[in-house]
Structure formats: structure tokens, C-alpha cells
Amino acid sequence: MLFYQKNLKTIIYSICLSATILFAQNLEDLSFGDDNSLDIATWNIEWFPKNDQVTVNYVTEIINLLDLDILAIQELDDTTMFDQMLDGLPAYSGYYQSSWFAGLAYIYKKD
């Protein structure tokens, strides 16, 4: 009976893992609105950038792929890295209040 339970758990785990891989969503598949809509989102990014340049690179890629018009970001910890990220987003501009810890920041399309 114990052998059967272990095998059954392994089979169920394998099926769940396979289904997750088959039906997982990736960034290239995401889309919001259209050219005639105003697309706004908020993102609690949790102490940006947690992993320095790696975080900046991933967030830049995500923002470009999402193609939002306005993005509010919470927990911006390093404004210098935020400005560096904006340099990698030529279609966007950004705003935050504090010079060292913004907490809340906005990224928006220039056009």
C-alpha cells in the first residue's frame, strides 16, 4: 500500500508539472488594450532593485513587453538604479519625489 501511495503521488506530481509547463504564460503572450486605449497598471516591485543589475535588466524587458502607457511602482528603494532603468526605456519617462528613496514612482510613455 505504501509503495502504491508513493507512485500515485509521483504520477500526480508529474501530471501537474507537465500541465504547468504546457499551459504556462510567458511575457511574449501578454497583451493589454489596443492603440486606442489607455493602459495603466501598478506593480509592487518589492524593494527595487533586489538583485541590482539583474533586476534592472528583467524589469526593463518586462516593461517593454507589456507596452503599458502608465505604470505605478511601489517600493522603489534605489533612485539611481531606477534612472538607469529609464535609460533603457527610451519610449518612457519617469517620476518620483525623493532623491534617494522614492517608495512610489511612475513610468509613463512620452507620446
PDB file of N, CA and C in Angstrom:
ATOM      1  N   MET A   1       0.822  -1.184   0.000  1.00  0.00           N
ATOM      2  CA  MET A   1       0.000   0.000   0.000  1.00  0.00           C
ATOM      3  C   MET A   1       0.879   1.265   0.000  1.00  0.00           C
ATOM      4  N   LEU A   2       1.942   1.282   0.782  1.00  0.00           N
ATOM      5  CA  LEU A   2       2.831   2.431   0.852  1.00  0.00           C
ATOM      6  C   LEU A   2       3.497   2.678  -0.500  1.00  0.00           C
ATOM      7  N   PHE A   3       3.915   1.606  -1.171  1.00  0.00           N
ATOM      8  CA  PHE A   3       4.527   1.723  -2.499  1.00  0.00           C
ATOM      9  C   PHE A   3       3.538   2.347  -3.475  1.00  0.00           C
ATOM     10  N   TYR A   4       2.289   1.932  -3.428  1.00  0.00           N
ATOM     11  CA  TYR A   4       1.248   2.454  -4.303  1.00  0.00           C
ATOM     12  C   TYR A   4       1.032   3.949  -4.063  1.00  0.00           C
ATOM     13  N   GLN A   5       1.005   4.371  -2.802  1.00  0.00           N
ATOM     14  CA  GLN A   5       0.806   5.784  -2.475  1.00  0.00           C
ATOM     15  C   GLN A   5       1.956   6.638  -2.991  1.00  0.00           C
ATOM     16  N   LYS A   6       3.180   6.169  -2.854  1.00  0.00           N
ATOM     17  CA  LYS A   6       4.338   6.921  -3.343  1.00  0.00           C
ATOM     18  C   LYS A   6       4.289   7.052  -4.861  1.00  0.00           C
ATOM     19  N   ASN A   7       3.957   5.960  -5.548  1.00  0.00           N
ATOM     20  CA  ASN A   7       3.855   6.008  -7.004  1.00  0.00           C
ATOM     21  C   ASN A   7       2.723   6.931  -7.449  1.00  0.00           C
ATOM     22  N   LEU A   8       1.612   6.881  -6.765  1.00  0.00           N
ATOM     23  CA  LEU A   8       0.480   7.735  -7.103  1.00  0.00           C
ATOM     24  C   LEU A   8       0.846   9.202  -6.920  1.00  0.00           C
ATOM     25  N   LYS A   9       1.543   9.537  -5.836  1.00  0.00           N
ATOM     26  CA  LYS A   9       1.991  10.913  -5.608  1.00  0.00           C
ATOM     27  C   LYS A   9       2.947  11.360  -6.717  1.00  0.00           C
ATOM     28  N   THR A  10       3.836  10.483  -7.117  1.00  0.00           N
ATOM     29  CA  THR A  10       4.786  10.802  -8.186  1.00  0.00           C
ATOM     30  C   THR A  10       4.053  11.041  -9.497  1.00  0.00           C
ATOM     31  N   ILE A  11       3.079  10.221  -9.798  1.00  0.00           N
ATOM     32  CA  ILE A  11       2.302  10.368 -11.035  1.00  0.00           C
ATOM     33  C   ILE A  11       1.519  11.679 -11.012  1.00  0.00           C
ATOM     34  N   ILE A  12       0.857  11.972  -9.911  1.00  0.00           N
ATOM     35  CA  ILE A  12       0.081  13.213  -9.800  1.00  0.00           C
ATOM     36  C   ILE A  12       0.993  14.420  -9.913  1.00  0.00           C
ATOM     37  N   TYR A  13       2.133  14.374  -9.258  1.00  0.00           N
ATOM     38  CA  TYR A  13       3.102  15.464  -9.338  1.00  0.00           C
ATOM     39  C   TYR A  13       3.571  15.671 -10.777  1.00  0.00           C
ATOM     40  N   SER A  14       3.862  14.594 -11.470  1.00  0.00           N
ATOM     41  CA  SER A  14       4.323  14.669 -12.863  1.00  0.00           C
ATOM     42  C   SER A  14       3.256  15.272 -13.772  1.00  0.00           C
ATOM     43  N   ILE A  15       2.009  14.883 -13.573  1.00  0.00           N
ATOM     44  CA  ILE A  15       0.911  15.426 -14.379  1.00  0.00           C
ATOM     45  C   ILE A  15       0.755  16.914 -14.127  1.00  0.00           C
ATOM     46  N   CYS A  16       0.791  17.328 -12.867  1.00  0.00           N
ATOM     47  CA  CYS A  16       0.658  18.751 -12.533  1.00  0.00           C
ATOM     48  C   CYS A  16       1.812  19.558 -13.110  1.00  0.00           C
ATOM     49  N   LEU A  17       3.008  19.043 -13.003  1.00  0.00           N
ATOM     50  CA  LEU A  17       4.176  19.732 -13.541  1.00  0.00           C
ATOM     51  C   LEU A  17       4.074  19.855 -15.060  1.00  0.00           C
ATOM     52  N   SER A  18       3.665  18.800 -15.724  1.00  0.00           N
ATOM     53  CA  SER A  18       3.517  18.823 -17.186  1.00  0.00           C
ATOM     54  C   SER A  18       2.454  19.835 -17.603  1.00  0.00           C
ATOM     55  N   ALA A  19       1.337  19.866 -16.893  1.00  0.00           N
ATOM     56  CA  ALA A  19       0.272  20.810 -17.218  1.00  0.00           C
ATOM     57  C   ALA A  19       0.747  22.244 -17.025  1.00  0.00           C
ATOM     58  N   THR A  20       1.524  22.483 -15.995  1.00  0.00           N
ATOM     59  CA  THR A  20       2.052  23.822 -15.745  1.00  0.00           C
ATOM     60  C   THR A  20       2.978  24.256 -16.873  1.00  0.00           C
ATOM     61  N   ILE A  21       3.822  23.363 -17.308  1.00  0.00           N
ATOM     62  CA  ILE A  21       4.750  23.683 -18.390  1.00  0.00           C
ATOM     63  C   ILE A  21       3.994  23.899 -19.694  1.00  0.00           C
ATOM     64  N   LEU A  22       3.001  23.068 -19.972  1.00  0.00           N
ATOM     65  CA  LEU A  22       2.251  23.178 -21.222  1.00  0.00           C
ATOM     66  C   LEU A  22       1.411  24.440 -21.300  1.00  0.00           C
ATOM     67  N   PHE A  23       0.842  24.859 -20.182  1.00  0.00           N
ATOM     68  CA  PHE A  23      -0.090  25.981 -20.184  1.00  0.00           C
ATOM     69  C   PHE A  23       0.459  27.232 -19.514  1.00  0.00           C
ATOM     70  N   ALA A  24       1.753  27.284 -19.286  1.00  0.00           N
ATOM     71  CA  ALA A  24       2.363  28.451 -18.648  1.00  0.00           C
ATOM     72  C   ALA A  24       2.301  29.652 -19.588  1.00  0.00           C
ATOM     73  N   GLN A  25       2.101  30.800 -19.014  1.00  0.00           N
ATOM     74  CA  GLN A  25       2.057  32.033 -19.794  1.00  0.00           C
ATOM     75  C   GLN A  25       3.430  32.675 -19.756  1.00  0.00           C
ATOM     76  N   ASN A  26       3.855  33.216 -20.889  1.00  0.00           N
ATOM     77  CA  ASN A  26       5.117  33.928 -20.884  1.00  0.00           C
ATOM     78  C   ASN A  26       4.871  35.373 -21.290  1.00  0.00           C
ATOM     79  N   LEU A  27       5.866  36.202 -21.159  1.00  0.00           N
ATOM     80  CA  LEU A  27       5.684  37.640 -21.394  1.00  0.00           C
ATOM     81  C   LEU A  27       5.323  37.970 -22.833  1.00  0.00           C
ATOM     82  N   GLU A  28       5.804  37.199 -23.793  1.00  0.00           N
ATOM     83  CA  GLU A  28       5.511  37.487 -25.181  1.00  0.00           C
ATOM     84  C   GLU A  28       4.030  37.315 -25.507  1.00  0.00           C
ATOM     85  N   ASP A  29       3.300  36.518 -24.709  1.00  0.00           N
ATOM     86  CA  ASP A  29       1.879  36.266 -24.951  1.00  0.00           C
ATOM     87  C   ASP A  29       0.971  37.313 -24.312  1.00  0.00           C
ATOM     88  N   LEU A  30       1.511  38.181 -23.483  1.00  0.00           N
ATOM     89  CA  LEU A  30       0.680  39.159 -22.792  1.00  0.00           C
ATOM     90  C   LEU A  30       0.301  40.303 -23.720  1.00  0.00           C
ATOM     91  N   SER A  31      -0.909  40.770 -23.556  1.00  0.00           N
ATOM     92  CA  SER A  31      -1.313  41.963 -24.298  1.00  0.00           C
ATOM     93  C   SER A  31      -2.395  42.685 -23.507  1.00  0.00           C
ATOM     94  N   PHE A  32      -2.392  43.998 -23.613  1.00  0.00           N
ATOM     95  CA  PHE A  32      -3.355  44.824 -22.910  1.00  0.00           C
ATOM     96  C   PHE A  32      -3.896  45.855 -23.882  1.00  0.00           C
ATOM     97  N   GLY A  33      -5.196  46.019 -23.897  1.00  0.00           N
ATOM     98  CA  GLY A  33      -5.806  47.089 -24.672  1.00  0.00           C
ATOM     99  C   GLY A  33      -5.394  47.096 -26.127  1.00  0.00           C
ATOM    100  N   ASP A  34      -5.431  48.294 -26.695  1.00  0.00           N
ATOM    101  CA  ASP A  34      -5.015  48.490 -28.081  1.00  0.00           C
ATOM    102  C   ASP A  34      -4.489  49.910 -28.227  1.00  0.00           C
ATOM    103  N   ASP A  35      -4.251  50.331 -29.442  1.00  0.00           N
ATOM    104  CA  ASP A  35      -3.688  51.664 -29.675  1.00  0.00           C
ATOM    105  C   ASP A  35      -4.646  52.783 -29.279  1.00  0.00           C
ATOM    106  N   ASN A  36      -5.918  52.467 -29.109  1.00  0.00           N
ATOM    107  CA  ASN A  36      -6.919  53.474 -28.762  1.00  0.00           C
ATOM    108  C   ASN A  36      -7.289  53.470 -27.284  1.00  0.00           C
ATOM    109  N   SER A  37      -6.606  52.666 -26.472  1.00  0.00           N
ATOM    110  CA  SER A  37      -6.927  52.601 -25.045  1.00  0.00           C
ATOM    111  C   SER A  37      -5.764  53.134 -24.215  1.00  0.00           C
ATOM    112  N   LEU A  38      -6.074  53.536 -22.999  1.00  0.00           N
ATOM    113  CA  LEU A  38      -5.068  53.982 -22.038  1.00  0.00           C
ATOM    114  C   LEU A  38      -4.828  52.816 -21.086  1.00  0.00           C
ATOM    115  N   ASP A  39      -3.644  52.224 -21.162  1.00  0.00           N
ATOM    116  CA  ASP A  39      -3.329  51.032 -20.376  1.00  0.00           C
ATOM    117  C   ASP A  39      -2.507  51.426 -19.154  1.00  0.00           C
ATOM    118  N   ILE A  40      -3.081  51.187 -17.972  1.00  0.00           N
ATOM    119  CA  ILE A  40      -2.474  51.583 -16.700  1.00  0.00           C
ATOM    120  C   ILE A  40      -2.359  50.345 -15.808  1.00  0.00           C
ATOM    121  N   ALA A  41      -1.219  50.226 -15.112  1.00  0.00           N
ATOM    122  CA  ALA A  41      -1.028  49.113 -14.178  1.00  0.00           C
ATOM    123  C   ALA A  41      -0.253  49.614 -12.971  1.00  0.00           C
ATOM    124  N   THR A  42      -0.286  48.831 -11.918  1.00  0.00           N
ATOM    125  CA  THR A  42       0.505  49.102 -10.727  1.00  0.00           C
ATOM    126  C   THR A  42       1.296  47.841 -10.394  1.00  0.00           C
ATOM    127  N   TRP A  43       2.501  48.028  -9.833  1.00  0.00           N
ATOM    128  CA  TRP A  43       3.384  46.887  -9.563  1.00  0.00           C
ATOM    129  C   TRP A  43       4.111  47.155  -8.252  1.00  0.00           C
ATOM    130  N   ASN A  44       3.843  46.325  -7.248  1.00  0.00           N
ATOM    131  CA  ASN A  44       4.621  46.388  -6.019  1.00  0.00           C
ATOM    132  C   ASN A  44       5.873  45.562  -6.266  1.00  0.00           C
ATOM    133  N   ILE A  45       6.931  46.237  -6.621  1.00  0.00           N
ATOM    134  CA  ILE A  45       8.146  45.601  -7.114  1.00  0.00           C
ATOM    135  C   ILE A  45       9.050  45.103  -5.978  1.00  0.00           C
ATOM    136  N   GLU A  46       8.684  45.421  -4.760  1.00  0.00           N
ATOM    137  CA  GLU A  46       9.348  44.957  -3.539  1.00  0.00           C
ATOM    138  C   GLU A  46      10.831  45.292  -3.493  1.00  0.00           C
ATOM    139  N   TRP A  47      11.119  46.480  -3.107  1.00  0.00           N
ATOM    140  CA  TRP A  47      12.469  46.993  -2.840  1.00  0.00           C
ATOM    141  C   TRP A  47      13.384  46.934  -4.064  1.00  0.00           C
ATOM    142  N   PHE A  48      12.925  47.552  -5.124  1.00  0.00           N
ATOM    143  CA  PHE A  48      13.694  47.629  -6.373  1.00  0.00           C
ATOM    144  C   PHE A  48      15.011  48.352  -6.155  1.00  0.00           C
ATOM    145  N   PRO A  49      16.109  47.852  -6.642  1.00  0.00           N
ATOM    146  CA  PRO A  49      16.324  46.574  -7.322  1.00  0.00           C
ATOM    147  C   PRO A  49      16.883  45.547  -6.355  1.00  0.00           C
ATOM    148  N   LYS A  50      16.152  44.511  -6.097  1.00  0.00           N
ATOM    149  CA  LYS A  50      16.582  43.491  -5.132  1.00  0.00           C
ATOM    150  C   LYS A  50      17.869  42.799  -5.536  1.00  0.00           C
ATOM    151  N   ASN A  51      18.071  42.621  -6.833  1.00  0.00           N
ATOM    152  CA  ASN A  51      19.249  41.891  -7.311  1.00  0.00           C
ATOM    153  C   ASN A  51      20.054  42.764  -8.284  1.00  0.00           C
ATOM    154  N   ASP A  52      20.168  44.031  -7.953  1.00  0.00           N
ATOM    155  CA  ASP A  52      20.962  45.013  -8.697  1.00  0.00           C
ATOM    156  C   ASP A  52      20.689  44.985 -10.198  1.00  0.00           C
ATOM    157  N   GLN A  53      21.730  44.854 -11.014  1.00  0.00           N
ATOM    158  CA  GLN A  53      21.595  44.977 -12.472  1.00  0.00           C
ATOM    159  C   GLN A  53      20.707  43.893 -13.070  1.00  0.00           C
ATOM    160  N   VAL A  54      20.700  42.726 -12.471  1.00  0.00           N
ATOM    161  CA  VAL A  54      19.832  41.643 -12.963  1.00  0.00           C
ATOM    162  C   VAL A  54      18.374  42.086 -12.887  1.00  0.00           C
ATOM    163  N   THR A  55      17.987  42.693 -11.775  1.00  0.00           N
ATOM    164  CA  THR A  55      16.625  43.187 -11.617  1.00  0.00           C
ATOM    165  C   THR A  55      16.324  44.273 -12.640  1.00  0.00           C
ATOM    166  N   VAL A  56      17.248  45.212 -12.808  1.00  0.00           N
ATOM    167  CA  VAL A  56      17.053  46.301 -13.779  1.00  0.00           C
ATOM    168  C   VAL A  56      16.832  45.724 -15.174  1.00  0.00           C
ATOM    169  N   ASN A  57      17.632  44.749 -15.567  1.00  0.00           N
ATOM    170  CA  ASN A  57      17.506  44.154 -16.901  1.00  0.00           C
ATOM    171  C   ASN A  57      16.152  43.469 -17.087  1.00  0.00           C
ATOM    172  N   TYR A  58      15.739  42.675 -16.103  1.00  0.00           N
ATOM    173  CA  TYR A  58      14.459  41.974 -16.208  1.00  0.00           C
ATOM    174  C   TYR A  58      13.283  42.945 -16.206  1.00  0.00           C
ATOM    175  N   VAL A  59      13.299  43.922 -15.333  1.00  0.00           N
ATOM    176  CA  VAL A  59      12.193  44.873 -15.260  1.00  0.00           C
ATOM    177  C   VAL A  59      12.107  45.686 -16.550  1.00  0.00           C
ATOM    178  N   THR A  60      13.242  46.085 -17.106  1.00  0.00           N
ATOM    179  CA  THR A  60      13.249  46.803 -18.381  1.00  0.00           C
ATOM    180  C   THR A  60      12.608  45.949 -19.470  1.00  0.00           C
ATOM    181  N   GLU A  61      12.983  44.690 -19.525  1.00  0.00           N
ATOM    182  CA  GLU A  61      12.410  43.783 -20.523  1.00  0.00           C
ATOM    183  C   GLU A  61      10.902  43.626 -20.328  1.00  0.00           C
ATOM    184  N   ILE A  62      10.480  43.455 -19.093  1.00  0.00           N
ATOM    185  CA  ILE A  62       9.055  43.274 -18.792  1.00  0.00           C
ATOM    186  C   ILE A  62       8.258  44.518 -19.185  1.00  0.00           C
ATOM    187  N   ILE A  63       8.748  45.687 -18.831  1.00  0.00           N
ATOM    188  CA  ILE A  63       8.025  46.918 -19.161  1.00  0.00           C
ATOM    189  C   ILE A  63       7.914  47.089 -20.673  1.00  0.00           C
ATOM    190  N   ASN A  64       8.990  46.824 -21.397  1.00  0.00           N
ATOM    191  CA  ASN A  64       8.935  46.917 -22.859  1.00  0.00           C
ATOM    192  C   ASN A  64       7.928  45.946 -23.449  1.00  0.00           C
ATOM    193  N   LEU A  65       7.896  44.720 -22.946  1.00  0.00           N
ATOM    194  CA  LEU A  65       6.979  43.713 -23.470  1.00  0.00           C
ATOM    195  C   LEU A  65       5.526  44.002 -23.106  1.00  0.00           C
ATOM    196  N   LEU A  66       5.286  44.548 -21.916  1.00  0.00           N
ATOM    197  CA  LEU A  66       3.914  44.865 -21.514  1.00  0.00           C
ATOM    198  C   LEU A  66       3.335  46.025 -22.317  1.00  0.00           C
ATOM    199  N   ASP A  67       4.204  46.956 -22.708  1.00  0.00           N
ATOM    200  CA  ASP A  67       3.786  48.079 -23.552  1.00  0.00           C
ATOM    201  C   ASP A  67       2.634  48.877 -22.927  1.00  0.00           C
ATOM    202  N   LEU A  68       2.729  49.127 -21.626  1.00  0.00           N
ATOM    203  CA  LEU A  68       1.713  49.909 -20.920  1.00  0.00           C
ATOM    204  C   LEU A  68       1.920  51.396 -21.173  1.00  0.00           C
ATOM    205  N   ASP A  69       0.878  52.179 -20.958  1.00  0.00           N
ATOM    206  CA  ASP A  69       1.000  53.628 -21.090  1.00  0.00           C
ATOM    207  C   ASP A  69       1.497  54.264 -19.796  1.00  0.00           C
ATOM    208  N   ILE A  70       0.995  53.773 -18.666  1.00  0.00           N
ATOM    209  CA  ILE A  70       1.368  54.300 -17.353  1.00  0.00           C
ATOM    210  C   ILE A  70       1.556  53.123 -16.403  1.00  0.00           C
ATOM    211  N   LEU A  71       2.631  53.172 -15.636  1.00  0.00           N
ATOM    212  CA  LEU A  71       2.911  52.130 -14.660  1.00  0.00           C
ATOM    213  C   LEU A  71       3.305  52.784 -13.342  1.00  0.00           C
ATOM    214  N   ALA A  72       2.572  52.485 -12.271  1.00  0.00           N
ATOM    215  CA  ALA A  72       2.925  52.949 -10.927  1.00  0.00           C
ATOM    216  C   ALA A  72       3.695  51.826 -10.245  1.00  0.00           C
ATOM    217  N   ILE A  73       4.830  52.164  -9.646  1.00  0.00           N
ATOM    218  CA  ILE A  73       5.679  51.171  -8.985  1.00  0.00           C
ATOM    219  C   ILE A  73       5.813  51.526  -7.509  1.00  0.00           C
ATOM    220  N   GLN A  74       5.569  50.543  -6.640  1.00  0.00           N
ATOM    221  CA  GLN A  74       5.744  50.717  -5.205  1.00  0.00           C
ATOM    222  C   GLN A  74       7.035  50.054  -4.759  1.00  0.00           C
ATOM    223  N   GLU A  75       7.596  50.587  -3.684  1.00  0.00           N
ATOM    224  CA  GLU A  75       8.802  50.082  -3.025  1.00  0.00           C
ATOM    225  C   GLU A  75      10.055  50.270  -3.875  1.00  0.00           C
ATOM    226  N   LEU A  76      10.185  51.444  -4.450  1.00  0.00           N
ATOM    227  CA  LEU A  76      11.398  51.811  -5.185  1.00  0.00           C
ATOM    228  C   LEU A  76      12.442  52.238  -4.164  1.00  0.00           C
ATOM    229  N   ASP A  77      13.495  51.447  -4.041  1.00  0.00           N
ATOM    230  CA  ASP A  77      14.499  51.667  -2.999  1.00  0.00           C
ATOM    231  C   ASP A  77      15.710  52.453  -3.498  1.00  0.00           C
ATOM    232  N   ASP A  78      16.047  52.368  -4.768  1.00  0.00           N
ATOM    233  CA  ASP A  78      17.262  52.980  -5.289  1.00  0.00           C
ATOM    234  C   ASP A  78      16.927  53.820  -6.517  1.00  0.00           C
ATOM    235  N   THR A  79      16.878  55.119  -6.343  1.00  0.00           N
ATOM    236  CA  THR A  79      16.504  56.003  -7.449  1.00  0.00           C
ATOM    237  C   THR A  79      17.566  56.052  -8.540  1.00  0.00           C
ATOM    238  N   THR A  80      18.831  55.846  -8.198  1.00  0.00           N
ATOM    239  CA  THR A  80      19.891  55.833  -9.204  1.00  0.00           C
ATOM    240  C   THR A  80      19.689  54.661 -10.161  1.00  0.00           C
ATOM    241  N   MET A  81      19.384  53.494  -9.625  1.00  0.00           N
ATOM    242  CA  MET A  81      19.124  52.323 -10.465  1.00  0.00           C
ATOM    243  C   MET A  81      17.824  52.507 -11.255  1.00  0.00           C
ATOM    244  N   PHE A  82      16.851  53.186 -10.678  1.00  0.00           N
ATOM    245  CA  PHE A  82      15.608  53.476 -11.396  1.00  0.00           C
ATOM    246  C   PHE A  82      15.904  54.367 -12.604  1.00  0.00           C
ATOM    247  N   ASP A  83      16.713  55.397 -12.397  1.00  0.00           N
ATOM    248  CA  ASP A  83      17.101  56.274 -13.514  1.00  0.00           C
ATOM    249  C   ASP A  83      17.869  55.494 -14.579  1.00  0.00           C
ATOM    250  N   GLN A  84      18.717  54.585 -14.157  1.00  0.00           N
ATOM    251  CA  GLN A  84      19.458  53.740 -15.096  1.00  0.00           C
ATOM    252  C   GLN A  84      18.480  52.884 -15.904  1.00  0.00           C
ATOM    253  N   MET A  85      17.470  52.352 -15.230  1.00  0.00           N
ATOM    254  CA  MET A  85      16.470  51.551 -15.926  1.00  0.00           C
ATOM    255  C   MET A  85      15.732  52.401 -16.964  1.00  0.00           C
ATOM    256  N   LEU A  86      15.394  53.631 -16.598  1.00  0.00           N
ATOM    257  CA  LEU A  86      14.705  54.523 -17.535  1.00  0.00           C
ATOM    258  C   LEU A  86      15.548  54.793 -18.778  1.00  0.00           C
ATOM    259  N   ASP A  87      16.867  54.819 -18.621  1.00  0.00           N
ATOM    260  CA  ASP A  87      17.755  54.988 -19.786  1.00  0.00           C
ATOM    261  C   ASP A  87      17.571  53.848 -20.784  1.00  0.00           C
ATOM    262  N   GLY A  88      17.211  52.683 -20.291  1.00  0.00           N
ATOM    263  CA  GLY A  88      16.961  51.534 -21.151  1.00  0.00           C
ATOM    264  C   GLY A  88      15.548  51.465 -21.688  1.00  0.00           C
ATOM    265  N   LEU A  89      14.745  52.459 -21.364  1.00  0.00           N
ATOM    266  CA  LEU A  89      13.353  52.542 -21.821  1.00  0.00           C
ATOM    267  C   LEU A  89      13.153  53.861 -22.573  1.00  0.00           C
ATOM    268  N   PRO A  90      13.682  53.983 -23.785  1.00  0.00           N
ATOM    269  CA  PRO A  90      13.649  55.272 -24.480  1.00  0.00           C
ATOM    270  C   PRO A  90      12.249  55.806 -24.770  1.00  0.00           C
ATOM    271  N   ALA A  91      11.250  54.950 -24.827  1.00  0.00           N
ATOM    272  CA  ALA A  91       9.878  55.404 -25.086  1.00  0.00           C
ATOM    273  C   ALA A  91       9.197  55.935 -23.822  1.00  0.00           C
ATOM    274  N   TYR A  92       9.864  55.782 -22.662  1.00  0.00           N
ATOM    275  CA  TYR A  92       9.253  56.121 -21.378  1.00  0.00           C
ATOM    276  C   TYR A  92      10.017  57.218 -20.653  1.00  0.00           C
ATOM    277  N   SER A  93       9.302  57.854 -19.743  1.00  0.00           N
ATOM    278  CA  SER A  93       9.895  58.784 -18.800  1.00  0.00           C
ATOM    279  C   SER A  93       9.418  58.355 -17.411  1.00  0.00           C
ATOM    280  N   GLY A  94      10.002  58.925 -16.369  1.00  0.00           N
ATOM    281  CA  GLY A  94       9.611  58.521 -15.028  1.00  0.00           C
ATOM    282  C   GLY A  94       9.542  59.682 -14.066  1.00  0.00           C
ATOM    283  N   TYR A  95       8.896  59.447 -12.926  1.00  0.00           N
ATOM    284  CA  TYR A  95       8.756  60.471 -11.908  1.00  0.00           C
ATOM    285  C   TYR A  95       8.769  59.810 -10.534  1.00  0.00           C
ATOM    286  N   TYR A  96       9.485  60.435  -9.597  1.00  0.00           N
ATOM    287  CA  TYR A  96       9.438  60.061  -8.182  1.00  0.00           C
ATOM    288  C   TYR A  96       9.754  61.314  -7.388  1.00  0.00           C
ATOM    289  N   GLN A  97       9.417  61.328  -6.116  1.00  0.00           N
ATOM    290  CA  GLN A  97       9.534  62.540  -5.305  1.00  0.00           C
ATOM    291  C   GLN A  97      10.884  62.681  -4.606  1.00  0.00           C
ATOM    292  N   SER A  98      11.331  61.655  -3.918  1.00  0.00           N
ATOM    293  CA  SER A  98      12.534  61.729  -3.093  1.00  0.00           C
ATOM    294  C   SER A  98      13.790  61.533  -3.934  1.00  0.00           C
ATOM    295  N   SER A  99      14.904  62.062  -3.466  1.00  0.00           N
ATOM    296  CA  SER A  99      16.153  61.923  -4.214  1.00  0.00           C
ATOM    297  C   SER A  99      16.903  60.624  -3.909  1.00  0.00           C
ATOM    298  N   TRP A 100      16.553  59.923  -2.835  1.00  0.00           N
ATOM    299  CA  TRP A 100      17.268  58.671  -2.543  1.00  0.00           C
ATOM    300  C   TRP A 100      16.323  57.489  -2.340  1.00  0.00           C
ATOM    301  N   PHE A 101      15.148  57.714  -1.793  1.00  0.00           N
ATOM    302  CA  PHE A 101      14.170  56.641  -1.601  1.00  0.00           C
ATOM    303  C   PHE A 101      12.826  57.158  -2.069  1.00  0.00           C
ATOM    304  N   ALA A 102      12.362  56.649  -3.186  1.00  0.00           N
ATOM    305  CA  ALA A 102      11.113  57.167  -3.739  1.00  0.00           C
ATOM    306  C   ALA A 102       9.898  56.468  -3.152  1.00  0.00           C
ATOM    307  N   GLY A 103      10.024  55.180  -2.854  1.00  0.00           N
ATOM    308  CA  GLY A 103       8.858  54.458  -2.387  1.00  0.00           C
ATOM    309  C   GLY A 103       7.857  54.243  -3.506  1.00  0.00           C
ATOM    310  N   LEU A 104       7.289  55.322  -4.020  1.00  0.00           N
ATOM    311  CA  LEU A 104       6.326  55.277  -5.108  1.00  0.00           C
ATOM    312  C   LEU A 104       6.888  56.036  -6.301  1.00  0.00           C
ATOM    313  N   ALA A 105       6.828  55.417  -7.465  1.00  0.00           N
ATOM    314  CA  ALA A 105       7.336  56.056  -8.677  1.00  0.00           C
ATOM    315  C   ALA A 105       6.376  55.757  -9.829  1.00  0.00           C
ATOM    316  N   TYR A 106       6.477  56.554 -10.874  1.00  0.00           N
ATOM    317  CA  TYR A 106       5.649  56.382 -12.042  1.00  0.00           C
ATOM    318  C   TYR A 106       6.522  56.299 -13.283  1.00  0.00           C
ATOM    319  N   ILE A 107       6.130  55.444 -14.203  1.00  0.00           N
ATOM    320  CA  ILE A 107       6.764  55.347 -15.506  1.00  0.00           C
ATOM    321  C   ILE A 107       5.642  55.555 -16.515  1.00  0.00           C
ATOM    322  N   TYR A 108       5.874  56.413 -17.498  1.00  0.00           N
ATOM    323  CA  TYR A 108       4.804  56.688 -18.466  1.00  0.00           C
ATOM    324  C   TYR A 108       5.407  56.909 -19.845  1.00  0.00           C
ATOM    325  N   LYS A 109       4.628  56.560 -20.847  1.00  0.00           N
ATOM    326  CA  LYS A 109       5.063  56.756 -22.224  1.00  0.00           C
ATOM    327  C   LYS A 109       5.138  58.239 -22.531  1.00  0.00           C
ATOM    328  N   LYS A 110       6.154  58.622 -23.270  1.00  0.00           N
ATOM    329  CA  LYS A 110       6.353  60.027 -23.609  1.00  0.00           C
ATOM    330  C   LYS A 110       5.322  60.519 -24.618  1.00  0.00           C
ATOM    331  N   ASP A 111       4.861  59.648 -25.480  1.00  0.00           N
ATOM    332  CA  ASP A 111       3.924  60.110 -26.513  1.00  0.00           C
ATOM    333  C   ASP A 111       2.524  60.149 -26.021  1.00  0.00           C
TER     334      ASP A 111
END
